[in-house]
């Protein structure tokens, strides 16, 4: 797997782990293309970051900094060290718990990307927690990657779906804060 654009374009990313199902290049390209210049200087949060490919791709395309959270962070750490990515902070933590910790620190993000395991049973609770703890900036964008067969709610708490994109067996649903 490789970074597909920007500063780290063409650099190899390790994804070898039973805990990792990386976001495919086609899906990454479409997601970042949809962001356009919105990624520039953005504060990017990557929940269930796995290999940190989304975080590194965001930084490669001009994000200000990125934070990756995962219970299994070893591969992401190796990728950060191999590519010398200083603007990436990694936390070994549960995503639900991390959301509360960011809220306590009053840390907010322009873009939040969530890629839980496809069999993750607490996706709605995760979205509700993001709504409750408001770590997404008012003009921010939240993106949830799921299996295409799953229908996600149109609204949950203070966030509402903006767009849904299908890429084969993968679906991206974007959300924004209600205004």
Foldseek 3Di string as FASTA:
>chain_A
DAQPDADRHPPDADQPDPLGDDDDPVRLVVVVVVCPCVLAQWEEEEEQCRQVSSQVSSVRVHHVAYEYEELDCPSVVVRCVVVVPPRYHYDNDHLLVVLVVCLVVVAATQEYEYEDPQPDPCPLVSVQSCLVSVRYPQNHKYKYKYFPPDDDDQDHRQKGWDDWDDDPRIIITMIHGHD
